[in-house]
């Protein structure tokens, strides 16, 4: 009887243990399934995140590419406009020098971007139904600067008069006794000596400044105009005999840079950004009339 009871208890214990083991295995299997599902979910989230990041990266690359392409197209158009607007290579060279100089001034924080305006190849009414062409007009806080560019090659004699023509005495009889003359000595391709005469560029730029001043005053704009004569051809030798002390003569881009640096660091501010922009629009409007 006792053995029967013991056997029954043992059988019941084995059955219970078997049940517990099966239940634990089922629980572990369920946990493994849940873990696998979690892993798959994490992998899916990671894949989605990577795809989103890749899409954003591709969009960013595309945006930058389009932006660069627009900038390139803009520069090409600006370059073509510059070449269309200028009459000669000298004016193109001057414009590139001025633009590079402006970028350098802004980068060094000497001027803000809106306080240097470069206006190329513009026309101002002279009051007699005609117009006067200006190679370059530079608007700065320290004043308005008229630049006359001369892309001359050779030995340039500026300001030749009868009184100072000793070195060229053979010209004394044909040189005006009062008016300054300009001569350029050079050589042709065959090696022959050449002599060219030009209108006095100093008088030319002074007359331009007077016309510009009159125009601005007619628009109720006070004008402080400075005049520069820029000889920007690399192969030249300048002999300046002129007595004129008003028009600044500049022989290379280094002298041009230094001139404007001196102006900006030694002179008082006359115009603000708003006034400079107003002057710019007035001159632009004059070009369409």
C-alpha atoms as a PDB file:
ATOM      1  CA  UNK A   1       0.000   0.000   0.000  1.00  0.00           C
ATOM      2  CA  UNK A   2       2.791   2.365   0.889  1.00  0.00           C
ATOM      3  CA  UNK A   3       4.616   1.516  -2.305  1.00  0.00           C
ATOM      4  CA  UNK A   4       1.459   2.251  -4.273  1.00  0.00           C
ATOM      5  CA  UNK A   5       1.183   5.662  -2.685  1.00  0.00           C
ATOM      6  CA  UNK A   6       4.851   6.361  -3.311  1.00  0.00           C
ATOM      7  CA  UNK A   7       4.579   5.233  -6.931  1.00  0.00           C
ATOM      8  CA  UNK A   8       1.544   7.449  -7.407  1.00  0.00           C
ATOM      9  CA  UNK A   9       3.329  10.451  -5.922  1.00  0.00           C
ATOM     10  CA  UNK A  10       6.395   9.791  -8.080  1.00  0.00           C
ATOM     11  CA  UNK A  11       4.262   9.549 -11.196  1.00  0.00           C
ATOM     12  CA  UNK A  12       2.475  12.762 -10.279  1.00  0.00           C
ATOM     13  CA  UNK A  13       5.812  14.493  -9.666  1.00  0.00           C
ATOM     14  CA  UNK A  14       7.187  13.337 -13.012  1.00  0.00           C
ATOM     15  CA  UNK A  15       4.029  14.540 -14.749  1.00  0.00           C
ATOM     16  CA  UNK A  16       4.277  17.904 -13.001  1.00  0.00           C
ATOM     17  CA  UNK A  17       7.939  18.273 -13.865  1.00  0.00           C
ATOM     18  CA  UNK A  18       7.218  17.343 -17.480  1.00  0.00           C
ATOM     19  CA  UNK A  19       4.476  19.973 -17.574  1.00  0.00           C
ATOM     20  CA  UNK A  20       6.790  22.604 -16.046  1.00  0.00           C
ATOM     21  CA  UNK A  21       9.582  21.777 -18.526  1.00  0.00           C
ATOM     22  CA  UNK A  22       7.204  21.980 -21.489  1.00  0.00           C
ATOM     23  CA  UNK A  23       5.801  25.256 -20.203  1.00  0.00           C
ATOM     24  CA  UNK A  24       9.310  26.695 -19.739  1.00  0.00           C
ATOM     25  CA  UNK A  25      10.323  25.588 -23.247  1.00  0.00           C
ATOM     26  CA  UNK A  26       7.198  27.193 -24.675  1.00  0.00           C
ATOM     27  CA  UNK A  27       7.986  30.405 -22.750  1.00  0.00           C
ATOM     28  CA  UNK A  28      11.583  30.407 -24.009  1.00  0.00           C
ATOM     29  CA  UNK A  29      10.385  29.798 -27.554  1.00  0.00           C
ATOM     30  CA  UNK A  30       7.972  32.702 -27.239  1.00  0.00           C
ATOM     31  CA  UNK A  31      10.758  34.897 -25.860  1.00  0.00           C
ATOM     32  CA  UNK A  32      13.013  33.888 -28.765  1.00  0.00           C
ATOM     33  CA  UNK A  33      10.259  34.771 -31.208  1.00  0.00           C
ATOM     34  CA  UNK A  34       9.723  38.138 -29.513  1.00  0.00           C
ATOM     35  CA  UNK A  35      13.475  38.819 -29.557  1.00  0.00           C
ATOM     36  CA  UNK A  36      13.678  37.889 -33.241  1.00  0.00           C
ATOM     37  CA  UNK A  37      10.765  40.201 -34.021  1.00  0.00           C
ATOM     38  CA  UNK A  38      12.447  43.008 -32.062  1.00  0.00           C
ATOM     39  CA  UNK A  39      15.673  42.459 -33.987  1.00  0.00           C
ATOM     40  CA  UNK A  40      13.821  42.519 -37.294  1.00  0.00           C
ATOM     41  CA  UNK A  41      12.002  45.670 -36.241  1.00  0.00           C
ATOM     42  CA  UNK A  42      15.309  47.334 -35.268  1.00  0.00           C
ATOM     43  CA  UNK A  43      16.845  46.273 -38.586  1.00  0.00           C
ATOM     44  CA  UNK A  44      13.866  47.733 -40.431  1.00  0.00           C
ATOM     45  CA  UNK A  45      14.143  50.998 -38.501  1.00  0.00           C
ATOM     46  CA  UNK A  46      17.879  51.116 -39.239  1.00  0.00           C
ATOM     47  CA  UNK A  47      17.300  50.435 -42.950  1.00  0.00           C
ATOM     48  CA  UNK A  48      14.631  53.140 -43.097  1.00  0.00           C
ATOM     49  CA  UNK A  49      16.919  55.591 -41.271  1.00  0.00           C
ATOM     50  CA  UNK A  50      19.805  54.852 -43.640  1.00  0.00           C
ATOM     51  CA  UNK A  51      17.543  55.244 -46.671  1.00  0.00           C
ATOM     52  CA  UNK A  52      16.253  58.565 -45.301  1.00  0.00           C
ATOM     53  CA  UNK A  53      19.799  59.772 -44.615  1.00  0.00           C
ATOM     54  CA  UNK A  54      20.914  58.656 -48.084  1.00  0.00           C
ATOM     55  CA  UNK A  55      17.967  60.447 -49.665  1.00  0.00           C
ATOM     56  CA  UNK A  56      18.726  63.653 -47.731  1.00  0.00           C
ATOM     57  CA  UNK A  57      22.413  63.376 -48.689  1.00  0.00           C
ATOM     58  CA  UNK A  58      21.511  62.902 -52.346  1.00  0.00           C
ATOM     59  CA  UNK A  59      19.152  65.886 -52.170  1.00  0.00           C
ATOM     60  CA  UNK A  60      21.887  67.984 -50.512  1.00  0.00           C
ATOM     61  CA  UNK A  61      24.423  66.985 -53.175  1.00  0.00           C
ATOM     62  CA  UNK A  62      21.882  67.773 -55.898  1.00  0.00           C
ATOM     63  CA  UNK A  63      21.101  71.145 -54.293  1.00  0.00           C
ATOM     64  CA  UNK A  64      24.790  72.053 -54.047  1.00  0.00           C
ATOM     65  CA  UNK A  65      25.366  70.929 -57.632  1.00  0.00           C
ATOM     66  CA  UNK A  66      22.469  73.061 -58.859  1.00  0.00           C
ATOM     67  CA  UNK A  67      23.675  76.009 -56.762  1.00  0.00           C
ATOM     68  CA  UNK A  68      27.204  75.751 -58.156  1.00  0.00           C
ATOM     69  CA  UNK A  69      25.833  75.406 -61.667  1.00  0.00           C
ATOM     70  CA  UNK A  70      23.730  78.548 -61.208  1.00  0.00           C
ATOM     71  CA  UNK A  71      26.783  80.425 -59.898  1.00  0.00           C
ATOM     72  CA  UNK A  72      28.847  79.254 -62.877  1.00  0.00           C
ATOM     73  CA  UNK A  73      26.114  80.304 -65.293  1.00  0.00           C
ATOM     74  CA  UNK A  74      25.839  83.670 -63.508  1.00  0.00           C
ATOM     75  CA  UNK A  75      29.589  84.242 -63.799  1.00  0.00           C
ATOM     76  CA  UNK A  76      29.538  83.286 -67.473  1.00  0.00           C
ATOM     77  CA  UNK A  77      26.701  85.747 -68.128  1.00  0.00           C
ATOM     78  CA  UNK A  78      28.456  88.492 -66.142  1.00  0.00           C
ATOM     79  CA  UNK A  79      31.671  87.857 -68.032  1.00  0.00           C
ATOM     80  CA  UNK A  80      29.856  88.064 -71.365  1.00  0.00           C
ATOM     81  CA  UNK A  81      28.116  91.269 -70.297  1.00  0.00           C
ATOM     82  CA  UNK A  82      31.444  92.769 -69.305  1.00  0.00           C
ATOM     83  CA  UNK A  83      32.941  91.918 -72.678  1.00  0.00           C
ATOM     84  CA  UNK A  84      29.914  93.310 -74.508  1.00  0.00           C
ATOM     85  CA  UNK A  85      29.897  96.553 -72.536  1.00  0.00           C
ATOM     86  CA  UNK A  86      33.548  97.408 -72.944  1.00  0.00           C
ATOM     87  CA  UNK A  87      35.072  98.956 -76.011  1.00  0.00           C
ATOM     88  CA  UNK A  88      38.570  97.560 -75.542  1.00  0.00           C
ATOM     89  CA  UNK A  89      40.724  95.077 -73.673  1.00  0.00           C
ATOM     90  CA  UNK A  90      42.057  97.778 -71.351  1.00  0.00           C
ATOM     91  CA  UNK A  91      38.636  98.411 -69.841  1.00  0.00           C
ATOM     92  CA  UNK A  92      38.127  94.672 -69.272  1.00  0.00           C
ATOM     93  CA  UNK A  93      41.482  94.479 -67.469  1.00  0.00           C
ATOM     94  CA  UNK A  94      40.583  97.476 -65.288  1.00  0.00           C
ATOM     95  CA  UNK A  95      37.222  95.972 -64.368  1.00  0.00           C
ATOM     96  CA  UNK A  96      38.810  92.688 -63.304  1.00  0.00           C
ATOM     97  CA  UNK A  97      41.378  94.582 -61.201  1.00  0.00           C
ATOM     98  CA  UNK A  98      38.652  96.623 -59.474  1.00  0.00           C
ATOM     99  CA  UNK A  99      36.424  93.605 -58.794  1.00  0.00           C
ATOM    100  CA  UNK A 100      39.316  91.612 -57.334  1.00  0.00           C
ATOM    101  CA  UNK A 101      40.331  94.593 -55.225  1.00  0.00           C
ATOM    102  CA  UNK A 102      36.785  95.024 -53.916  1.00  0.00           C
ATOM    103  CA  UNK A 103      36.624  91.340 -52.921  1.00  0.00           C
ATOM    104  CA  UNK A 104      39.914  91.727 -51.073  1.00  0.00           C
ATOM    105  CA  UNK A 105      38.696  94.830 -49.210  1.00  0.00           C
ATOM    106  CA  UNK A 106      35.500  93.041 -48.153  1.00  0.00           C
ATOM    107  CA  UNK A 107      37.408  89.916 -47.092  1.00  0.00           C
ATOM    108  CA  UNK A 108      39.741  92.035 -44.932  1.00  0.00           C
ATOM    109  CA  UNK A 109      36.683  93.878 -43.527  1.00  0.00           C
ATOM    110  CA  UNK A 110      38.027  97.253 -44.643  1.00  0.00           C
ATOM    111  CA  UNK A 111      34.662  98.031 -46.272  1.00  0.00           C
ATOM    112  CA  UNK A 112      31.179  96.456 -46.165  1.00  0.00           C
ATOM    113  CA  UNK A 113      29.929  95.054 -49.511  1.00  0.00           C
ATOM    114  CA  UNK A 114      27.439  97.893 -50.085  1.00  0.00           C
ATOM    115  CA  UNK A 115      29.992 100.707 -49.703  1.00  0.00           C
ATOM    116  CA  UNK A 116      31.923 100.127 -52.935  1.00  0.00           C
ATOM    117  CA  UNK A 117      30.006 100.241 -56.198  1.00  0.00           C
ATOM    118  CA  UNK A 118      31.829  99.691 -59.502  1.00  0.00           C
ATOM    119  CA  UNK A 119      30.025 101.038 -62.569  1.00  0.00           C
ATOM    120  CA  UNK A 120      31.590 100.237 -65.961  1.00  0.00           C
ATOM    121  CA  UNK A 121      31.179 101.981 -69.318  1.00  0.00           C
ATOM    122  CA  UNK A 122      28.442 104.454 -68.437  1.00  0.00           C
ATOM    123  CA  UNK A 123      27.129 107.533 -70.220  1.00  0.00           C
ATOM    124  CA  UNK A 124      26.201 110.860 -68.662  1.00  0.00           C
ATOM    125  CA  UNK A 125      24.213 113.638 -70.422  1.00  0.00           C
ATOM    126  CA  UNK A 126      26.425 116.676 -70.975  1.00  0.00           C
ATOM    127  CA  UNK A 127      23.576 119.209 -71.085  1.00  0.00           C
ATOM    128  CA  UNK A 128      23.980 119.854 -74.822  1.00  0.00           C
ATOM    129  CA  UNK A 129      21.985 116.907 -76.063  1.00  0.00           C
ATOM    130  CA  UNK A 130      25.035 114.656 -76.123  1.00  0.00           C
ATOM    131  CA  UNK A 131      26.547 112.173 -73.686  1.00  0.00           C
ATOM    132  CA  UNK A 132      29.973 111.672 -72.147  1.00  0.00           C
ATOM    133  CA  UNK A 133      31.312 108.152 -71.749  1.00  0.00           C
ATOM    134  CA  UNK A 134      33.066 107.130 -68.510  1.00  0.00           C
ATOM    135  CA  UNK A 135      35.282 104.038 -68.519  1.00  0.00           C
ATOM    136  CA  UNK A 136      34.729 103.336 -64.826  1.00  0.00           C
ATOM    137  CA  UNK A 137      32.950 105.066 -62.003  1.00  0.00           C
ATOM    138  CA  UNK A 138      33.740 103.896 -58.465  1.00  0.00           C
ATOM    139  CA  UNK A 139      31.406 104.992 -55.667  1.00  0.00           C
ATOM    140  CA  UNK A 140      32.927 104.899 -52.175  1.00  0.00           C
ATOM    141  CA  UNK A 141      32.045 106.375 -48.801  1.00  0.00           C
ATOM    142  CA  UNK A 142      34.958 108.813 -49.331  1.00  0.00           C
ATOM    143  CA  UNK A 143      33.717 110.129 -52.687  1.00  0.00           C
ATOM    144  CA  UNK A 144      33.095 109.455 -56.365  1.00  0.00           C
ATOM    145  CA  UNK A 145      36.020 108.369 -58.533  1.00  0.00           C
ATOM    146  CA  UNK A 146      36.150 108.762 -62.309  1.00  0.00           C
ATOM    147  CA  UNK A 147      38.708 106.403 -63.883  1.00  0.00           C
ATOM    148  CA  UNK A 148      39.932 106.948 -67.426  1.00  0.00           C
ATOM    149  CA  UNK A 149      41.749 103.855 -68.689  1.00  0.00           C
ATOM    150  CA  UNK A 150      44.516 104.019 -71.269  1.00  0.00           C
ATOM    151  CA  UNK A 151      45.731 100.693 -72.612  1.00  0.00           C
ATOM    152  CA  UNK A 152      48.774 102.184 -74.317  1.00  0.00           C
ATOM    153  CA  UNK A 153      51.966 100.356 -75.196  1.00  0.00           C
ATOM    154  CA  UNK A 154      55.375 101.984 -75.725  1.00  0.00           C
ATOM    155  CA  UNK A 155      57.123 105.075 -74.426  1.00  0.00           C
ATOM    156  CA  UNK A 156      54.341 107.436 -73.332  1.00  0.00           C
ATOM    157  CA  UNK A 157      55.167 111.138 -73.097  1.00  0.00           C
ATOM    158  CA  UNK A 158      52.410 112.836 -71.139  1.00  0.00           C
ATOM    159  CA  UNK A 159      52.081 116.621 -70.893  1.00  0.00           C
ATOM    160  CA  UNK A 160      54.431 117.659 -73.684  1.00  0.00           C
ATOM    161  CA  UNK A 161      54.413 121.428 -74.328  1.00  0.00           C
ATOM    162  CA  UNK A 162      56.639 123.813 -76.268  1.00  0.00           C
ATOM    163  CA  UNK A 163      58.334 124.969 -73.078  1.00  0.00           C
ATOM    164  CA  UNK A 164      59.347 121.464 -71.982  1.00  0.00           C
ATOM    165  CA  UNK A 165      60.076 120.053 -75.446  1.00  0.00           C
ATOM    166  CA  UNK A 166      63.850 120.449 -75.258  1.00  0.00           C
ATOM    167  CA  UNK A 167      64.314 116.719 -75.591  1.00  0.00           C
ATOM    168  CA  UNK A 168      62.162 116.857 -78.699  1.00  0.00           C
ATOM    169  CA  UNK A 169      63.242 120.260 -80.029  1.00  0.00           C
ATOM    170  CA  UNK A 170      62.336 119.270 -83.550  1.00  0.00           C
ATOM    171  CA  UNK A 171      58.685 119.268 -82.406  1.00  0.00           C
ATOM    172  CA  UNK A 172      58.785 122.749 -80.888  1.00  0.00           C
ATOM    173  CA  UNK A 173      57.312 124.436 -83.937  1.00  0.00           C
ATOM    174  CA  UNK A 174      54.318 122.107 -84.152  1.00  0.00           C
ATOM    175  CA  UNK A 175      53.536 121.801 -80.445  1.00  0.00           C
ATOM    176  CA  UNK A 176      50.921 124.187 -79.073  1.00  0.00           C
ATOM    177  CA  UNK A 177      52.570 126.681 -76.742  1.00  0.00           C
ATOM    178  CA  UNK A 178      49.925 126.258 -74.016  1.00  0.00           C
ATOM    179  CA  UNK A 179      48.095 122.971 -74.570  1.00  0.00           C
ATOM    180  CA  UNK A 180      49.669 119.779 -73.270  1.00  0.00           C
ATOM    181  CA  UNK A 181      50.152 117.050 -75.853  1.00  0.00           C
ATOM    182  CA  UNK A 182      50.480 113.263 -75.583  1.00  0.00           C
ATOM    183  CA  UNK A 183      52.899 111.257 -77.709  1.00  0.00           C
ATOM    184  CA  UNK A 184      53.584 107.532 -77.790  1.00  0.00           C
ATOM    185  CA  UNK A 185      56.812 106.208 -79.280  1.00  0.00           C
ATOM    186  CA  UNK A 186      56.957 102.568 -80.277  1.00  0.00           C
ATOM    187  CA  UNK A 187      58.026 100.129 -82.935  1.00  0.00           C
ATOM    188  CA  UNK A 188      56.075  98.383 -85.644  1.00  0.00           C
ATOM    189  CA  UNK A 189      56.310  94.638 -86.243  1.00  0.00           C
ATOM    190  CA  UNK A 190      58.932  95.332 -88.901  1.00  0.00           C
ATOM    191  CA  UNK A 191      61.022  97.296 -86.388  1.00  0.00           C
ATOM    192  CA  UNK A 192      60.242 100.781 -87.682  1.00  0.00           C
ATOM    193  CA  UNK A 193      59.860 103.663 -85.220  1.00  0.00           C
ATOM    194  CA  UNK A 194      56.251 104.779 -84.768  1.00  0.00           C
ATOM    195  CA  UNK A 195      54.905 107.959 -83.213  1.00  0.00           C
ATOM    196  CA  UNK A 196      51.260 108.396 -82.263  1.00  0.00           C
ATOM    197  CA  UNK A 197      49.472 111.438 -80.877  1.00  0.00           C
ATOM    198  CA  UNK A 198      46.355 111.381 -78.746  1.00  0.00           C
ATOM    199  CA  UNK A 199      43.938 113.811 -77.164  1.00  0.00           C
ATOM    200  CA  UNK A 200      45.247 114.951 -73.805  1.00  0.00           C
ATOM    201  CA  UNK A 201      43.763 112.342 -71.404  1.00  0.00           C
ATOM    202  CA  UNK A 202      44.199 114.639 -68.384  1.00  0.00           C
ATOM    203  CA  UNK A 203      41.915 117.272 -69.912  1.00  0.00           C
ATOM    204  CA  UNK A 204      39.592 114.501 -71.024  1.00  0.00           C
ATOM    205  CA  UNK A 205      39.022 113.091 -67.542  1.00  0.00           C
ATOM    206  CA  UNK A 206      38.710 116.580 -66.013  1.00  0.00           C
ATOM    207  CA  UNK A 207      35.989 117.514 -68.497  1.00  0.00           C
ATOM    208  CA  UNK A 208      34.219 114.238 -67.712  1.00  0.00           C
ATOM    209  CA  UNK A 209      34.301 115.060 -63.981  1.00  0.00           C
ATOM    210  CA  UNK A 210      32.750 118.488 -64.607  1.00  0.00           C
ATOM    211  CA  UNK A 211      29.942 116.954 -66.690  1.00  0.00           C
ATOM    212  CA  UNK A 212      29.271 114.338 -64.019  1.00  0.00           C
ATOM    213  CA  UNK A 213      29.283 116.948 -61.257  1.00  0.00           C
ATOM    214  CA  UNK A 214      26.787 119.113 -63.164  1.00  0.00           C
ATOM    215  CA  UNK A 215      24.513 116.134 -63.731  1.00  0.00           C
ATOM    216  CA  UNK A 216      24.527 115.084 -60.069  1.00  0.00           C
ATOM    217  CA  UNK A 217      23.904 118.653 -58.914  1.00  0.00           C
ATOM    218  CA  UNK A 218      20.920 118.816 -61.281  1.00  0.00           C
ATOM    219  CA  UNK A 219      19.604 115.799 -59.342  1.00  0.00           C
ATOM    220  CA  UNK A 220      20.208 117.562 -55.996  1.00  0.00           C
ATOM    221  CA  UNK A 221      23.125 115.268 -55.142  1.00  0.00           C
ATOM    222  CA  UNK A 222      26.248 116.892 -53.641  1.00  0.00           C
ATOM    223  CA  UNK A 223      29.282 115.593 -55.492  1.00  0.00           C
ATOM    224  CA  UNK A 224      32.863 115.020 -54.366  1.00  0.00           C
ATOM    225  CA  UNK A 225      34.512 113.794 -57.528  1.00  0.00           C
ATOM    226  CA  UNK A 226      38.079 112.544 -57.830  1.00  0.00           C
ATOM    227  CA  UNK A 227      39.797 111.850 -61.149  1.00  0.00           C
ATOM    228  CA  UNK A 228      42.246 109.086 -62.037  1.00  0.00           C
ATOM    229  CA  UNK A 229      44.158 108.352 -65.213  1.00  0.00           C
ATOM    230  CA  UNK A 230      45.080 104.655 -65.277  1.00  0.00           C
ATOM    231  CA  UNK A 231      47.756 103.361 -67.681  1.00  0.00           C
ATOM    232  CA  UNK A 232      47.221  99.627 -67.304  1.00  0.00           C
ATOM    233  CA  UNK A 233      49.199  98.080 -70.159  1.00  0.00           C
ATOM    234  CA  UNK A 234      52.105  96.034 -68.757  1.00  0.00           C
ATOM    235  CA  UNK A 235      54.604  96.837 -71.515  1.00  0.00           C
ATOM    236  CA  UNK A 236      55.084 100.600 -71.281  1.00  0.00           C
ATOM    237  CA  UNK A 237      57.275 103.392 -69.952  1.00  0.00           C
ATOM    238  CA  UNK A 238      55.528 106.500 -68.702  1.00  0.00           C
ATOM    239  CA  UNK A 239      57.220 109.914 -68.903  1.00  0.00           C
ATOM    240  CA  UNK A 240      54.932 112.298 -67.050  1.00  0.00           C
ATOM    241  CA  UNK A 241      55.824 115.935 -67.769  1.00  0.00           C
ATOM    242  CA  UNK A 242      52.414 117.394 -67.013  1.00  0.00           C
ATOM    243  CA  UNK A 243      52.051 120.183 -64.450  1.00  0.00           C
ATOM    244  CA  UNK A 244      48.527 119.090 -63.594  1.00  0.00           C
ATOM    245  CA  UNK A 245      48.284 118.153 -59.905  1.00  0.00           C
ATOM    246  CA  UNK A 246      44.539 117.489 -59.787  1.00  0.00           C
ATOM    247  CA  UNK A 247      44.272 114.326 -61.864  1.00  0.00           C
ATOM    248  CA  UNK A 248      45.926 111.354 -60.212  1.00  0.00           C
ATOM    249  CA  UNK A 249      48.122 109.310 -62.567  1.00  0.00           C
ATOM    250  CA  UNK A 250      48.349 105.570 -61.876  1.00  0.00           C
ATOM    251  CA  UNK A 251      50.769 103.307 -63.759  1.00  0.00           C
ATOM    252  CA  UNK A 252      49.873  99.822 -62.436  1.00  0.00           C
ATOM    253  CA  UNK A 253      47.360  97.924 -60.308  1.00  0.00           C
ATOM    254  CA  UNK A 254      49.545  98.132 -57.181  1.00  0.00           C
ATOM    255  CA  UNK A 255      49.461 101.933 -57.367  1.00  0.00           C
ATOM    256  CA  UNK A 256      45.693 101.809 -57.971  1.00  0.00           C
ATOM    257  CA  UNK A 257      45.182  99.599 -54.892  1.00  0.00           C
ATOM    258  CA  UNK A 258      47.373 101.839 -52.750  1.00  0.00           C
ATOM    259  CA  UNK A 259      45.535 104.954 -53.897  1.00  0.00           C
ATOM    260  CA  UNK A 260      42.166 103.585 -52.764  1.00  0.00           C
ATOM    261  CA  UNK A 261      43.612 102.233 -49.504  1.00  0.00           C
ATOM    262  CA  UNK A 262      44.938 105.722 -48.744  1.00  0.00           C
ATOM    263  CA  UNK A 263      41.561 107.250 -49.578  1.00  0.00           C
ATOM    264  CA  UNK A 264      39.668 104.864 -47.310  1.00  0.00           C
ATOM    265  CA  UNK A 265      42.077 105.171 -44.388  1.00  0.00           C
ATOM    266  CA  UNK A 266      42.852 108.898 -44.489  1.00  0.00           C
ATOM    267  CA  UNK A 267      39.654 110.620 -45.632  1.00  0.00           C
ATOM    268  CA  UNK A 268      36.368 111.225 -43.862  1.00  0.00           C
ATOM    269  CA  UNK A 269      33.183 109.443 -44.847  1.00  0.00           C
ATOM    270  CA  UNK A 270      30.976 111.530 -47.117  1.00  0.00           C
ATOM    271  CA  UNK A 271      28.364 109.047 -48.303  1.00  0.00           C
ATOM    272  CA  UNK A 272      26.540 106.209 -46.597  1.00  0.00           C
ATOM    273  CA  UNK A 273      25.355 103.026 -48.286  1.00  0.00           C
ATOM    274  CA  UNK A 274      21.895 104.494 -48.977  1.00  0.00           C
ATOM    275  CA  UNK A 275      23.340 107.596 -50.663  1.00  0.00           C
ATOM    276  CA  UNK A 276      25.732 105.496 -52.750  1.00  0.00           C
ATOM    277  CA  UNK A 277      22.852 103.337 -53.918  1.00  0.00           C
ATOM    278  CA  UNK A 278      20.811 106.460 -54.765  1.00  0.00           C
ATOM    279  CA  UNK A 279      23.679 107.836 -56.866  1.00  0.00           C
ATOM    280  CA  UNK A 280      24.012 104.471 -58.593  1.00  0.00           C
ATOM    281  CA  UNK A 281      20.314 104.434 -59.583  1.00  0.00           C
ATOM    282  CA  UNK A 282      20.423 108.043 -60.801  1.00  0.00           C
ATOM    283  CA  UNK A 283      23.373 107.253 -63.060  1.00  0.00           C
ATOM    284  CA  UNK A 284      21.778 104.036 -64.285  1.00  0.00           C
ATOM    285  CA  UNK A 285      18.599 105.957 -65.153  1.00  0.00           C
ATOM    286  CA  UNK A 286      20.687 108.494 -67.087  1.00  0.00           C
ATOM    287  CA  UNK A 287      22.001 105.646 -69.243  1.00  0.00           C
ATOM    288  CA  UNK A 288      18.493 104.738 -70.411  1.00  0.00           C
ATOM    289  CA  UNK A 289      17.419 108.256 -71.412  1.00  0.00           C
END
